[in-house]
Amino acid sequence: MQKDKKKFEFEAVPWLFKGRSGAWAFVTLPEQMSCEIKKYVGGNDENFGALKVNVRCGEACWKTSIFPDVFLDEHESRYELPLKMSTLKKANIAQGEVAKFTLDLAA
């Protein structure tokens, strides 16, 4: 749910991705929220559409970027929030657990 024009709150279950450099988790932002963010920032062709964000989950806070999911149709695309495994531990998120996230779009 959007609290103001730059702050977004949502709940999601992180999903695991095992790449060459180790395991990462991702959180897929809700479709409606992704659409609201896209409308707010306008077209962003730089940096592959990545947007800088400040994230809070529980007591853990960090800076990162969200990325558009390029495997979906552009009309259905959502943003993905990458999470290092150390961040999951710091935020005390167990695998398969729903977590509450707050995103602030960085200026």
C-alpha atoms as a PDB file:
ATOM      1  CA  MET A   1       0.000   0.000   0.000  1.00  0.00           C
ATOM      2  CA  GLN A   2       1.357   3.426  -0.908  1.00  0.00           C
ATOM      3  CA  LYS A   3       1.691   5.786   2.095  1.00  0.00           C
ATOM      4  CA  ASP A   4       2.876   8.818   0.134  1.00  0.00           C
ATOM      5  CA  LYS A   5       4.368   9.504  -3.267  1.00  0.00           C
ATOM      6  CA  LYS A   6       7.808   8.117  -2.406  1.00  0.00           C
ATOM      7  CA  LYS A   7       7.174   5.491   0.295  1.00  0.00           C
ATOM      8  CA  PHE A   8       5.713   2.065  -0.433  1.00  0.00           C
ATOM      9  CA  GLU A   9       4.861  -0.730   2.007  1.00  0.00           C
ATOM     10  CA  PHE A  10       4.079  -4.333   1.143  1.00  0.00           C
ATOM     11  CA  GLU A  11       4.308  -7.897   2.400  1.00  0.00           C
ATOM     12  CA  ALA A  12       5.939 -10.689   0.427  1.00  0.00           C
ATOM     13  CA  VAL A  13       7.703 -14.035   0.703  1.00  0.00           C
ATOM     14  CA  PRO A  14      11.318 -13.937  -0.515  1.00  0.00           C
ATOM     15  CA  TRP A  15      12.205 -16.561  -3.112  1.00  0.00           C
ATOM     16  CA  LEU A  16      15.652 -18.099  -3.568  1.00  0.00           C
ATOM     17  CA  PHE A  17      17.858 -17.919  -6.642  1.00  0.00           C
ATOM     18  CA  LYS A  18      21.050 -19.945  -6.731  1.00  0.00           C
ATOM     19  CA  GLY A  19      23.500 -18.352  -9.122  1.00  0.00           C
ATOM     20  CA  ARG A  20      27.191 -18.831  -9.738  1.00  0.00           C
ATOM     21  CA  SER A  21      28.179 -16.492  -6.906  1.00  0.00           C
ATOM     22  CA  GLY A  22      26.014 -18.150  -4.253  1.00  0.00           C
ATOM     23  CA  ALA A  23      22.440 -17.963  -3.170  1.00  0.00           C
ATOM     24  CA  TRP A  24      20.455 -14.755  -3.388  1.00  0.00           C
ATOM     25  CA  ALA A  25      16.859 -14.128  -2.466  1.00  0.00           C
ATOM     26  CA  PHE A  26      14.474 -11.820  -4.272  1.00  0.00           C
ATOM     27  CA  VAL A  27      11.161 -10.245  -3.399  1.00  0.00           C
ATOM     28  CA  THR A  28       8.713  -9.530  -6.204  1.00  0.00           C
ATOM     29  CA  LEU A  29       6.846  -6.270  -5.669  1.00  0.00           C
ATOM     30  CA  PRO A  30       3.071  -6.381  -6.144  1.00  0.00           C
ATOM     31  CA  GLU A  31       1.926  -5.605  -9.688  1.00  0.00           C
ATOM     32  CA  GLN A  32      -0.169  -2.564  -8.745  1.00  0.00           C
ATOM     33  CA  MET A  33       2.700  -1.102  -6.711  1.00  0.00           C
ATOM     34  CA  SER A  34       5.133  -1.667  -9.593  1.00  0.00           C
ATOM     35  CA  CYS A  35       2.756   0.222 -11.893  1.00  0.00           C
ATOM     36  CA  GLU A  36       2.501   3.097  -9.391  1.00  0.00           C
ATOM     37  CA  ILE A  37       6.285   3.313  -9.139  1.00  0.00           C
ATOM     38  CA  LYS A  38       6.658   3.325 -12.935  1.00  0.00           C
ATOM     39  CA  LYS A  39       4.102   6.144 -13.231  1.00  0.00           C
ATOM     40  CA  TYR A  40       5.845   8.112 -10.480  1.00  0.00           C
ATOM     41  CA  VAL A  41       9.367   7.867 -11.960  1.00  0.00           C
ATOM     42  CA  GLY A  42       8.325   8.029 -15.612  1.00  0.00           C
ATOM     43  CA  GLY A  43      10.480   6.343 -18.231  1.00  0.00           C
ATOM     44  CA  ASN A  44      13.795   5.101 -16.879  1.00  0.00           C
ATOM     45  CA  ASP A  45      15.964   3.631 -19.620  1.00  0.00           C
ATOM     46  CA  GLU A  46      19.223   4.218 -17.744  1.00  0.00           C
ATOM     47  CA  ASN A  47      20.842   1.445 -15.706  1.00  0.00           C
ATOM     48  CA  PHE A  48      18.512  -1.175 -17.216  1.00  0.00           C
ATOM     49  CA  GLY A  49      15.526   0.468 -15.471  1.00  0.00           C
ATOM     50  CA  ALA A  50      16.998   0.025 -11.974  1.00  0.00           C
ATOM     51  CA  LEU A  51      15.824   2.419  -9.272  1.00  0.00           C
ATOM     52  CA  LYS A  52      17.729   3.233  -6.094  1.00  0.00           C
ATOM     53  CA  VAL A  53      15.774   2.556  -2.912  1.00  0.00           C
ATOM     54  CA  ASN A  54      16.157   2.600   0.847  1.00  0.00           C
ATOM     55  CA  VAL A  55      14.639  -0.531   2.379  1.00  0.00           C
ATOM     56  CA  ARG A  56      13.408  -1.386   5.864  1.00  0.00           C
ATOM     57  CA  CYS A  57      12.345  -4.815   7.047  1.00  0.00           C
ATOM     58  CA  GLY A  58      11.848  -5.076  10.777  1.00  0.00           C
ATOM     59  CA  GLU A  59      14.835  -3.383  12.408  1.00  0.00           C
ATOM     60  CA  ALA A  60      17.103  -3.893   9.380  1.00  0.00           C
ATOM     61  CA  CYS A  61      17.686  -0.990   6.962  1.00  0.00           C
ATOM     62  CA  TRP A  62      19.799  -0.945   3.812  1.00  0.00           C
ATOM     63  CA  LYS A  63      20.301   0.766   0.442  1.00  0.00           C
ATOM     64  CA  THR A  64      19.957  -1.138  -2.815  1.00  0.00           C
ATOM     65  CA  SER A  65      18.143  -0.997  -6.145  1.00  0.00           C
ATOM     66  CA  ILE A  66      15.001  -2.576  -7.514  1.00  0.00           C
ATOM     67  CA  PHE A  67      15.034  -3.970 -11.038  1.00  0.00           C
ATOM     68  CA  PRO A  68      12.260  -4.559 -13.566  1.00  0.00           C
ATOM     69  CA  ASP A  69      11.582  -8.222 -14.248  1.00  0.00           C
ATOM     70  CA  VAL A  70      12.582  -8.375 -17.902  1.00  0.00           C
ATOM     71  CA  PHE A  71      11.134 -11.847 -18.392  1.00  0.00           C
ATOM     72  CA  LEU A  72       7.547 -10.611 -18.144  1.00  0.00           C
ATOM     73  CA  ASP A  73       5.581  -8.703 -20.765  1.00  0.00           C
ATOM     74  CA  GLU A  74       6.231  -4.954 -20.366  1.00  0.00           C
ATOM     75  CA  HIS A  75       2.542  -4.453 -19.494  1.00  0.00           C
ATOM     76  CA  GLU A  76       2.733  -7.012 -16.690  1.00  0.00           C
ATOM     77  CA  SER A  77       6.269  -6.396 -15.462  1.00  0.00           C
ATOM     78  CA  ARG A  78       6.998  -6.021 -11.787  1.00  0.00           C
ATOM     79  CA  TYR A  79      10.042  -4.864  -9.906  1.00  0.00           C
ATOM     80  CA  GLU A  80      12.326  -7.307  -8.111  1.00  0.00           C
ATOM     81  CA  LEU A  81      14.099  -6.460  -4.856  1.00  0.00           C
ATOM     82  CA  PRO A  82      17.358  -8.433  -4.484  1.00  0.00           C
ATOM     83  CA  LEU A  83      18.326  -9.595  -0.994  1.00  0.00           C
ATOM     84  CA  LYS A  84      21.706 -10.955   0.044  1.00  0.00           C
ATOM     85  CA  MET A  85      21.481 -13.979   2.292  1.00  0.00           C
ATOM     86  CA  SER A  86      23.222 -11.939   5.002  1.00  0.00           C
ATOM     87  CA  THR A  87      20.422  -9.365   4.723  1.00  0.00           C
ATOM     88  CA  LEU A  88      17.804 -12.080   5.263  1.00  0.00           C
ATOM     89  CA  LYS A  89      19.610 -13.109   8.426  1.00  0.00           C
ATOM     90  CA  LYS A  90      20.006  -9.511   9.604  1.00  0.00           C
ATOM     91  CA  ALA A  91      16.269  -8.897   9.045  1.00  0.00           C
ATOM     92  CA  ASN A  92      15.478 -12.220  10.761  1.00  0.00           C
ATOM     93  CA  ILE A  93      13.451 -13.539   7.814  1.00  0.00           C
ATOM     94  CA  ALA A  94      13.042 -17.310   7.694  1.00  0.00           C
ATOM     95  CA  GLN A  95      12.729 -19.119   4.351  1.00  0.00           C
ATOM     96  CA  GLY A  96       9.080 -19.240   3.263  1.00  0.00           C
ATOM     97  CA  GLU A  97       8.089 -16.555   5.774  1.00  0.00           C
ATOM     98  CA  VAL A  98       6.014 -13.499   4.863  1.00  0.00           C
ATOM     99  CA  ALA A  99       7.904 -10.299   5.650  1.00  0.00           C
ATOM    100  CA  LYS A 100       6.861  -6.641   5.651  1.00  0.00           C
ATOM    101  CA  PHE A 101       9.007  -4.277   3.567  1.00  0.00           C
ATOM    102  CA  THR A 102       9.070  -0.495   3.317  1.00  0.00           C
ATOM    103  CA  LEU A 103      10.698   1.087   0.243  1.00  0.00           C
ATOM    104  CA  ASP A 104      11.655   4.735  -0.060  1.00  0.00           C
ATOM    105  CA  LEU A 105      12.586   5.779  -3.567  1.00  0.00           C
ATOM    106  CA  ALA A 106      15.993   7.447  -3.338  1.00  0.00           C
ATOM    107  CA  ALA A 107      16.159  10.967  -4.721  1.00  0.00           C
END
